[in-house]
C-alpha atoms as a PDB file:
ATOM      1  CA  UNK A   1       0.000   0.000   0.000  1.00  0.00           C
ATOM      2  CA  UNK A   2       1.352   3.494  -0.822  1.00  0.00           C
ATOM      3  CA  UNK A   3       2.613   5.298   2.269  1.00  0.00           C
ATOM      4  CA  UNK A   4       2.866   8.966   3.218  1.00  0.00           C
ATOM      5  CA  UNK A   5       6.538   9.744   3.749  1.00  0.00           C
ATOM      6  CA  UNK A   6       7.830  12.182   6.331  1.00  0.00           C
ATOM      7  CA  UNK A   7       9.531  14.140   3.569  1.00  0.00           C
ATOM      8  CA  UNK A   8       6.221  14.499   1.761  1.00  0.00           C
ATOM      9  CA  UNK A   9       4.560  15.793   4.925  1.00  0.00           C
ATOM     10  CA  UNK A  10       7.260  18.398   5.358  1.00  0.00           C
ATOM     11  CA  UNK A  11       7.172  19.467   1.714  1.00  0.00           C
ATOM     12  CA  UNK A  12       3.462  20.216   1.512  1.00  0.00           C
ATOM     13  CA  UNK A  13      -0.019  18.723   1.311  1.00  0.00           C
ATOM     14  CA  UNK A  14       1.122  15.489  -0.410  1.00  0.00           C
ATOM     15  CA  UNK A  15      -2.025  15.404  -2.526  1.00  0.00           C
ATOM     16  CA  UNK A  16      -0.612  12.737  -4.813  1.00  0.00           C
ATOM     17  CA  UNK A  17       0.191  10.378  -1.949  1.00  0.00           C
ATOM     18  CA  UNK A  18      -3.226  10.776  -0.347  1.00  0.00           C
ATOM     19  CA  UNK A  19      -4.873  10.274  -3.723  1.00  0.00           C
ATOM     20  CA  UNK A  20      -2.915   7.054  -4.352  1.00  0.00           C
ATOM     21  CA  UNK A  21      -3.836   5.598  -0.952  1.00  0.00           C
ATOM     22  CA  UNK A  22      -7.563   6.381  -1.113  1.00  0.00           C
ATOM     23  CA  UNK A  23      -7.891   5.365  -4.747  1.00  0.00           C
ATOM     24  CA  UNK A  24      -6.193   2.062  -3.975  1.00  0.00           C
ATOM     25  CA  UNK A  25      -8.557   1.406  -1.077  1.00  0.00           C
ATOM     26  CA  UNK A  26     -11.599   2.060  -3.270  1.00  0.00           C
ATOM     27  CA  UNK A  27     -10.394  -0.045  -6.212  1.00  0.00           C
ATOM     28  CA  UNK A  28      -9.527  -2.990  -3.951  1.00  0.00           C
ATOM     29  CA  UNK A  29     -12.896  -2.813  -2.144  1.00  0.00           C
ATOM     30  CA  UNK A  30     -11.282  -2.000   1.192  1.00  0.00           C
ATOM     31  CA  UNK A  31     -13.665   0.965   0.991  1.00  0.00           C
ATOM     32  CA  UNK A  32     -16.929  -0.486  -0.273  1.00  0.00           C
ATOM     33  CA  UNK A  33     -19.635   1.411  -2.199  1.00  0.00           C
ATOM     34  CA  UNK A  34     -21.739   3.474   0.192  1.00  0.00           C
ATOM     35  CA  UNK A  35     -18.964   3.959   2.762  1.00  0.00           C
ATOM     36  CA  UNK A  36     -19.057   7.450   4.245  1.00  0.00           C
ATOM     37  CA  UNK A  37     -15.956   9.612   3.794  1.00  0.00           C
ATOM     38  CA  UNK A  38     -15.001  12.565   5.992  1.00  0.00           C
ATOM     39  CA  UNK A  39     -12.148  15.025   5.571  1.00  0.00           C
ATOM     40  CA  UNK A  40     -11.271  15.272   9.268  1.00  0.00           C
ATOM     41  CA  UNK A  41     -10.177  11.681  10.015  1.00  0.00           C
ATOM     42  CA  UNK A  42      -8.137  11.521   6.811  1.00  0.00           C
ATOM     43  CA  UNK A  43      -6.443  14.841   7.479  1.00  0.00           C
ATOM     44  CA  UNK A  44      -5.499  13.493  10.908  1.00  0.00           C
ATOM     45  CA  UNK A  45      -4.359  10.152   9.505  1.00  0.00           C
ATOM     46  CA  UNK A  46      -2.099  11.760   6.915  1.00  0.00           C
ATOM     47  CA  UNK A  47      -0.965  14.647   9.101  1.00  0.00           C
ATOM     48  CA  UNK A  48      -2.207  17.388   6.778  1.00  0.00           C
ATOM     49  CA  UNK A  49      -4.889  20.048   6.747  1.00  0.00           C
ATOM     50  CA  UNK A  50      -8.356  19.372   5.334  1.00  0.00           C
ATOM     51  CA  UNK A  51      -7.555  21.276   2.117  1.00  0.00           C
ATOM     52  CA  UNK A  52      -5.501  18.571   0.343  1.00  0.00           C
ATOM     53  CA  UNK A  53      -7.972  15.905   1.458  1.00  0.00           C
ATOM     54  CA  UNK A  54     -10.806  17.959  -0.003  1.00  0.00           C
ATOM     55  CA  UNK A  55      -8.881  18.262  -3.287  1.00  0.00           C
ATOM     56  CA  UNK A  56      -8.364  14.487  -3.382  1.00  0.00           C
ATOM     57  CA  UNK A  57     -12.075  13.924  -2.744  1.00  0.00           C
ATOM     58  CA  UNK A  58     -12.879  16.152  -5.732  1.00  0.00           C
ATOM     59  CA  UNK A  59     -10.455  14.277  -7.983  1.00  0.00           C
ATOM     60  CA  UNK A  60     -11.890  10.913  -6.978  1.00  0.00           C
ATOM     61  CA  UNK A  61     -15.404  12.251  -7.518  1.00  0.00           C
ATOM     62  CA  UNK A  62     -14.414  13.388 -11.018  1.00  0.00           C
ATOM     63  CA  UNK A  63     -13.297   9.797 -11.700  1.00  0.00           C
ATOM     64  CA  UNK A  64     -16.636   8.423 -10.517  1.00  0.00           C
ATOM     65  CA  UNK A  65     -15.122   6.778  -7.440  1.00  0.00           C
ATOM     66  CA  UNK A  66     -16.659   9.118  -4.848  1.00  0.00           C
ATOM     67  CA  UNK A  67     -20.029  10.823  -4.711  1.00  0.00           C
ATOM     68  CA  UNK A  68     -20.261  14.212  -3.045  1.00  0.00           C
ATOM     69  CA  UNK A  69     -23.808  15.070  -1.948  1.00  0.00           C
ATOM     70  CA  UNK A  70     -24.121  18.736  -0.850  1.00  0.00           C
ATOM     71  CA  UNK A  71     -25.382  19.175   2.707  1.00  0.00           C
ATOM     72  CA  UNK A  72     -25.321  15.403   3.183  1.00  0.00           C
ATOM     73  CA  UNK A  73     -21.810  14.037   2.852  1.00  0.00           C
ATOM     74  CA  UNK A  74     -19.291  12.206   0.713  1.00  0.00           C
ATOM     75  CA  UNK A  75     -19.609   8.500  -0.035  1.00  0.00           C
ATOM     76  CA  UNK A  76     -17.792   5.823  -2.025  1.00  0.00           C
ATOM     77  CA  UNK A  77     -19.719   5.680  -5.289  1.00  0.00           C
ATOM     78  CA  UNK A  78     -21.387   2.495  -6.530  1.00  0.00           C
ATOM     79  CA  UNK A  79     -19.740   0.721  -9.447  1.00  0.00           C
ATOM     80  CA  UNK A  80     -20.970   2.300 -12.672  1.00  0.00           C
ATOM     81  CA  UNK A  81     -22.016  -0.503 -14.995  1.00  0.00           C
ATOM     82  CA  UNK A  82     -21.891   1.697 -18.095  1.00  0.00           C
ATOM     83  CA  UNK A  83     -18.267   2.612 -17.333  1.00  0.00           C
ATOM     84  CA  UNK A  84     -17.409  -1.051 -16.702  1.00  0.00           C
ATOM     85  CA  UNK A  85     -18.745  -2.088 -20.093  1.00  0.00           C
ATOM     86  CA  UNK A  86     -17.100   0.848 -21.860  1.00  0.00           C
ATOM     87  CA  UNK A  87     -13.695   0.034 -20.379  1.00  0.00           C
ATOM     88  CA  UNK A  88     -14.244  -3.652 -21.093  1.00  0.00           C
ATOM     89  CA  UNK A  89     -14.861  -2.813 -24.750  1.00  0.00           C
ATOM     90  CA  UNK A  90     -11.637  -0.791 -24.932  1.00  0.00           C
ATOM     91  CA  UNK A  91      -9.603  -3.465 -23.191  1.00  0.00           C
ATOM     92  CA  UNK A  92     -10.975  -6.343 -25.260  1.00  0.00           C
ATOM     93  CA  UNK A  93     -10.479  -4.499 -28.534  1.00  0.00           C
ATOM     94  CA  UNK A  94      -6.862  -3.610 -27.788  1.00  0.00           C
ATOM     95  CA  UNK A  95      -5.694  -6.743 -25.986  1.00  0.00           C
ATOM     96  CA  UNK A  96      -7.165  -9.202 -28.457  1.00  0.00           C
ATOM     97  CA  UNK A  97      -5.286  -7.456 -31.237  1.00  0.00           C
ATOM     98  CA  UNK A  98      -2.018  -7.185 -29.311  1.00  0.00           C
ATOM     99  CA  UNK A  99      -2.004 -10.810 -28.099  1.00  0.00           C
ATOM    100  CA  UNK A 100      -2.363 -11.851 -31.734  1.00  0.00           C
ATOM    101  CA  UNK A 101       0.795  -9.885 -32.514  1.00  0.00           C
ATOM    102  CA  UNK A 102       2.531 -11.203 -29.386  1.00  0.00           C
ATOM    103  CA  UNK A 103       2.101 -14.771 -30.623  1.00  0.00           C
ATOM    104  CA  UNK A 104       3.861 -13.776 -33.824  1.00  0.00           C
ATOM    105  CA  UNK A 105       6.789 -12.244 -31.921  1.00  0.00           C
ATOM    106  CA  UNK A 106       7.325 -14.830 -29.183  1.00  0.00           C
ATOM    107  CA  UNK A 107      10.922 -15.833 -28.410  1.00  0.00           C
ATOM    108  CA  UNK A 108      12.716 -18.249 -26.103  1.00  0.00           C
ATOM    109  CA  UNK A 109      13.198 -15.562 -23.454  1.00  0.00           C
ATOM    110  CA  UNK A 110       9.540 -14.581 -23.676  1.00  0.00           C
ATOM    111  CA  UNK A 111       8.478 -18.171 -23.087  1.00  0.00           C
ATOM    112  CA  UNK A 112      10.471 -18.288 -19.837  1.00  0.00           C
ATOM    113  CA  UNK A 113       9.104 -14.920 -18.708  1.00  0.00           C
ATOM    114  CA  UNK A 114       5.493 -15.935 -19.352  1.00  0.00           C
ATOM    115  CA  UNK A 115       5.993 -19.172 -17.432  1.00  0.00           C
ATOM    116  CA  UNK A 116       7.383 -17.095 -14.544  1.00  0.00           C
ATOM    117  CA  UNK A 117       4.216 -14.962 -14.464  1.00  0.00           C
ATOM    118  CA  UNK A 118       2.108 -18.104 -14.202  1.00  0.00           C
ATOM    119  CA  UNK A 119       4.300 -19.366 -11.366  1.00  0.00           C
ATOM    120  CA  UNK A 120       3.806 -16.103  -9.476  1.00  0.00           C
ATOM    121  CA  UNK A 121       0.042 -16.448  -9.865  1.00  0.00           C
ATOM    122  CA  UNK A 122       0.046 -20.053  -8.630  1.00  0.00           C
ATOM    123  CA  UNK A 123       2.018 -19.031  -5.550  1.00  0.00           C
ATOM    124  CA  UNK A 124      -0.328 -16.131  -4.851  1.00  0.00           C
ATOM    125  CA  UNK A 125      -3.321 -18.491  -4.988  1.00  0.00           C
ATOM    126  CA  UNK A 126      -1.524 -20.944  -2.713  1.00  0.00           C
ATOM    127  CA  UNK A 127      -0.871 -18.137  -0.196  1.00  0.00           C
ATOM    128  CA  UNK A 128      -4.365 -16.640  -0.676  1.00  0.00           C
ATOM    129  CA  UNK A 129      -2.709 -13.304  -1.498  1.00  0.00           C
ATOM    130  CA  UNK A 130      -5.121 -11.346  -3.678  1.00  0.00           C
ATOM    131  CA  UNK A 131      -2.787  -8.352  -4.011  1.00  0.00           C
ATOM    132  CA  UNK A 132       0.042 -10.475  -5.386  1.00  0.00           C
ATOM    133  CA  UNK A 133      -2.277 -12.297  -7.760  1.00  0.00           C
ATOM    134  CA  UNK A 134      -3.743  -9.055  -9.072  1.00  0.00           C
ATOM    135  CA  UNK A 135      -0.256  -7.591  -9.522  1.00  0.00           C
ATOM    136  CA  UNK A 136       1.029 -10.681 -11.358  1.00  0.00           C
ATOM    137  CA  UNK A 137      -2.120 -10.661 -13.515  1.00  0.00           C
ATOM    138  CA  UNK A 138      -1.568  -7.057 -14.595  1.00  0.00           C
ATOM    139  CA  UNK A 139       2.154  -7.609 -15.149  1.00  0.00           C
ATOM    140  CA  UNK A 140       1.470 -10.559 -17.438  1.00  0.00           C
ATOM    141  CA  UNK A 141      -1.009  -8.559 -19.520  1.00  0.00           C
ATOM    142  CA  UNK A 142       1.453  -5.658 -19.647  1.00  0.00           C
ATOM    143  CA  UNK A 143       4.204  -8.005 -20.817  1.00  0.00           C
ATOM    144  CA  UNK A 144       2.063  -9.477 -23.591  1.00  0.00           C
ATOM    145  CA  UNK A 145       1.250  -6.001 -24.883  1.00  0.00           C
ATOM    146  CA  UNK A 146       4.936  -5.119 -24.821  1.00  0.00           C
ATOM    147  CA  UNK A 147       5.733  -8.342 -26.657  1.00  0.00           C
ATOM    148  CA  UNK A 148       3.381  -7.191 -29.403  1.00  0.00           C
ATOM    149  CA  UNK A 149       5.521  -4.089 -29.795  1.00  0.00           C
ATOM    150  CA  UNK A 150       3.063  -1.541 -28.366  1.00  0.00           C
ATOM    151  CA  UNK A 151       4.040  -1.054 -24.683  1.00  0.00           C
ATOM    152  CA  UNK A 152       2.242   2.285 -24.304  1.00  0.00           C
ATOM    153  CA  UNK A 153      -1.108   0.598 -25.016  1.00  0.00           C
ATOM    154  CA  UNK A 154      -1.208  -0.612 -21.406  1.00  0.00           C
ATOM    155  CA  UNK A 155      -1.070   2.991 -20.172  1.00  0.00           C
ATOM    156  CA  UNK A 156      -4.100   3.761 -22.312  1.00  0.00           C
ATOM    157  CA  UNK A 157      -5.960   0.773 -20.859  1.00  0.00           C
ATOM    158  CA  UNK A 158      -4.991   1.771 -17.322  1.00  0.00           C
ATOM    159  CA  UNK A 159      -6.507   5.183 -17.893  1.00  0.00           C
ATOM    160  CA  UNK A 160     -10.012   3.828 -18.553  1.00  0.00           C
ATOM    161  CA  UNK A 161     -10.401   0.738 -16.384  1.00  0.00           C
ATOM    162  CA  UNK A 162     -10.907   2.017 -12.824  1.00  0.00           C
ATOM    163  CA  UNK A 163     -14.523   0.819 -12.574  1.00  0.00           C
ATOM    164  CA  UNK A 164     -13.579  -2.469 -14.243  1.00  0.00           C
ATOM    165  CA  UNK A 165     -10.810  -2.988 -11.683  1.00  0.00           C
ATOM    166  CA  UNK A 166     -13.342  -2.677  -8.865  1.00  0.00           C
ATOM    167  CA  UNK A 167     -15.275  -5.596 -10.354  1.00  0.00           C
ATOM    168  CA  UNK A 168     -12.067  -7.574 -10.843  1.00  0.00           C
ATOM    169  CA  UNK A 169     -11.011  -7.162  -7.222  1.00  0.00           C
ATOM    170  CA  UNK A 170     -14.430  -8.219  -5.960  1.00  0.00           C
ATOM    171  CA  UNK A 171     -14.320 -11.274  -8.212  1.00  0.00           C
ATOM    172  CA  UNK A 172     -10.966 -12.327  -6.769  1.00  0.00           C
ATOM    173  CA  UNK A 173     -12.532 -12.898  -3.350  1.00  0.00           C
ATOM    174  CA  UNK A 174     -13.523 -16.346  -4.599  1.00  0.00           C
ATOM    175  CA  UNK A 175     -10.825 -19.015  -4.652  1.00  0.00           C
ATOM    176  CA  UNK A 176     -12.659 -20.849  -7.430  1.00  0.00           C
ATOM    177  CA  UNK A 177     -12.627 -17.690  -9.526  1.00  0.00           C
ATOM    178  CA  UNK A 178      -8.877 -17.274  -9.011  1.00  0.00           C
ATOM    179  CA  UNK A 179      -8.274 -20.792 -10.297  1.00  0.00           C
ATOM    180  CA  UNK A 180     -10.519 -20.174 -13.279  1.00  0.00           C
ATOM    181  CA  UNK A 181      -8.573 -17.025 -14.182  1.00  0.00           C
ATOM    182  CA  UNK A 182      -5.304 -18.934 -13.827  1.00  0.00           C
ATOM    183  CA  UNK A 183      -6.618 -21.683 -16.121  1.00  0.00           C
ATOM    184  CA  UNK A 184      -7.499 -19.047 -18.717  1.00  0.00           C
ATOM    185  CA  UNK A 185      -4.061 -17.458 -18.400  1.00  0.00           C
ATOM    186  CA  UNK A 186      -2.418 -20.831 -18.938  1.00  0.00           C
ATOM    187  CA  UNK A 187      -4.350 -21.318 -22.177  1.00  0.00           C
ATOM    188  CA  UNK A 188      -3.414 -17.834 -23.404  1.00  0.00           C
ATOM    189  CA  UNK A 189       0.267 -18.354 -22.587  1.00  0.00           C
ATOM    190  CA  UNK A 190       0.342 -21.809 -24.182  1.00  0.00           C
ATOM    191  CA  UNK A 191      -1.113 -20.491 -27.428  1.00  0.00           C
ATOM    192  CA  UNK A 192       1.239 -17.501 -27.483  1.00  0.00           C
ATOM    193  CA  UNK A 193       4.229 -19.773 -26.886  1.00  0.00           C
ATOM    194  CA  UNK A 194       3.048 -22.061 -29.696  1.00  0.00           C
ATOM    195  CA  UNK A 195       2.806 -19.074 -32.011  1.00  0.00           C
ATOM    196  CA  UNK A 196      -0.934 -19.669 -32.463  1.00  0.00           C
ATOM    197  CA  UNK A 197      -2.045 -16.077 -33.112  1.00  0.00           C
ATOM    198  CA  UNK A 198      -5.690 -16.870 -33.851  1.00  0.00           C
ATOM    199  CA  UNK A 199      -5.955 -19.238 -30.896  1.00  0.00           C
ATOM    200  CA  UNK A 200      -4.300 -16.733 -28.540  1.00  0.00           C
ATOM    201  CA  UNK A 201      -6.736 -14.034 -29.619  1.00  0.00           C
ATOM    202  CA  UNK A 202      -9.728 -16.331 -29.071  1.00  0.00           C
ATOM    203  CA  UNK A 203      -8.439 -17.335 -25.626  1.00  0.00           C
ATOM    204  CA  UNK A 204      -7.863 -13.707 -24.650  1.00  0.00           C
ATOM    205  CA  UNK A 205     -11.372 -12.762 -25.762  1.00  0.00           C
ATOM    206  CA  UNK A 206     -12.917 -15.559 -23.705  1.00  0.00           C
ATOM    207  CA  UNK A 207     -10.798 -14.543 -20.706  1.00  0.00           C
ATOM    208  CA  UNK A 208     -11.711 -10.855 -20.852  1.00  0.00           C
ATOM    209  CA  UNK A 209     -15.384 -11.541 -21.468  1.00  0.00           C
ATOM    210  CA  UNK A 210     -15.562 -13.557 -18.247  1.00  0.00           C
ATOM    211  CA  UNK A 211     -16.148 -10.210 -16.541  1.00  0.00           C
ATOM    212  CA  UNK A 212     -19.753 -10.470 -17.742  1.00  0.00           C
ATOM    213  CA  UNK A 213     -20.237 -13.588 -15.611  1.00  0.00           C
ATOM    214  CA  UNK A 214     -18.640 -11.781 -12.677  1.00  0.00           C
ATOM    215  CA  UNK A 215     -21.015  -8.843 -12.983  1.00  0.00           C
ATOM    216  CA  UNK A 216     -24.018 -11.158 -13.269  1.00  0.00           C
ATOM    217  CA  UNK A 217     -23.010 -13.019 -10.105  1.00  0.00           C
ATOM    218  CA  UNK A 218     -22.146  -9.920  -8.087  1.00  0.00           C
ATOM    219  CA  UNK A 219     -25.224  -7.979  -9.208  1.00  0.00           C
ATOM    220  CA  UNK A 220     -27.411 -10.870  -8.088  1.00  0.00           C
ATOM    221  CA  UNK A 221     -25.746 -11.268  -4.681  1.00  0.00           C
ATOM    222  CA  UNK A 222     -24.857  -7.631  -3.962  1.00  0.00           C
ATOM    223  CA  UNK A 223     -27.047  -5.327  -6.084  1.00  0.00           C
ATOM    224  CA  UNK A 224     -26.284  -2.389  -3.790  1.00  0.00           C
ATOM    225  CA  UNK A 225     -22.728  -2.275  -5.170  1.00  0.00           C
ATOM    226  CA  UNK A 226     -23.846  -1.307  -8.683  1.00  0.00           C
ATOM    227  CA  UNK A 227     -25.627   1.507 -10.448  1.00  0.00           C
ATOM    228  CA  UNK A 228     -27.005   1.709 -13.963  1.00  0.00           C
ATOM    229  CA  UNK A 229     -27.907  -0.852 -16.570  1.00  0.00           C
ATOM    230  CA  UNK A 230     -25.404  -3.079 -18.349  1.00  0.00           C
ATOM    231  CA  UNK A 231     -24.718  -2.466 -22.000  1.00  0.00           C
ATOM    232  CA  UNK A 232     -25.868  -5.019 -24.571  1.00  0.00           C
ATOM    233  CA  UNK A 233     -23.254  -7.739 -24.979  1.00  0.00           C
ATOM    234  CA  UNK A 234     -21.837  -8.207 -28.428  1.00  0.00           C
ATOM    235  CA  UNK A 235     -19.606 -11.185 -29.030  1.00  0.00           C
ATOM    236  CA  UNK A 236     -17.112 -10.496 -31.778  1.00  0.00           C
ATOM    237  CA  UNK A 237     -15.577 -13.527 -33.457  1.00  0.00           C
ATOM    238  CA  UNK A 238     -11.773 -13.601 -33.499  1.00  0.00           C
ATOM    239  CA  UNK A 239     -10.020 -12.483 -36.638  1.00  0.00           C
ATOM    240  CA  UNK A 240      -9.383 -15.331 -39.043  1.00  0.00           C
END
């Protein structure tokens, strides 16, 4: 978890550090939708005035992660289904194309690296460490995009997937779901290593579209976490 350093406290409000901590807590569901947020306890926790905390609240509200209700209070916003489906569309479109290219560019070193990512994920599941699994998951996807020759694409994806990440973290609470994701990753890696571009793209599409099943399950069990209606699902066949 990001920490507020003493140097940052001395140098000023440390808005960036406070932002990183609170955003992380919201994305990882440590702060669940509907949780009340107050400037005073956070200003005390971080050793700053209320002004930088208020600025962070505004930034998080602009991202759709907090909801500021005048004369009432500030709350962690529900997960916006429209934003989840929009970011899912962006991610699927870009990653299915890049994994196709990755399979065409795979090398001996890449094969070892991809196997290492899978090993990290297996160990995280064994230790029931969601943070490590999530980190290894993202690093593997980042690596595949880099292998395709377009490393900056991951930065673009990162910029639009905040609401999607909230769903992903909630889905990782289930051990069965972790194993299912790992199984999907193993198929993707195997097809990339084999140089099967079409098969890798199909496996990536199936993997990324599993978020729809996650939303369906979570919305049924915890409808209070979501807001809005899901977008129509459109399955796009892999390029052949």
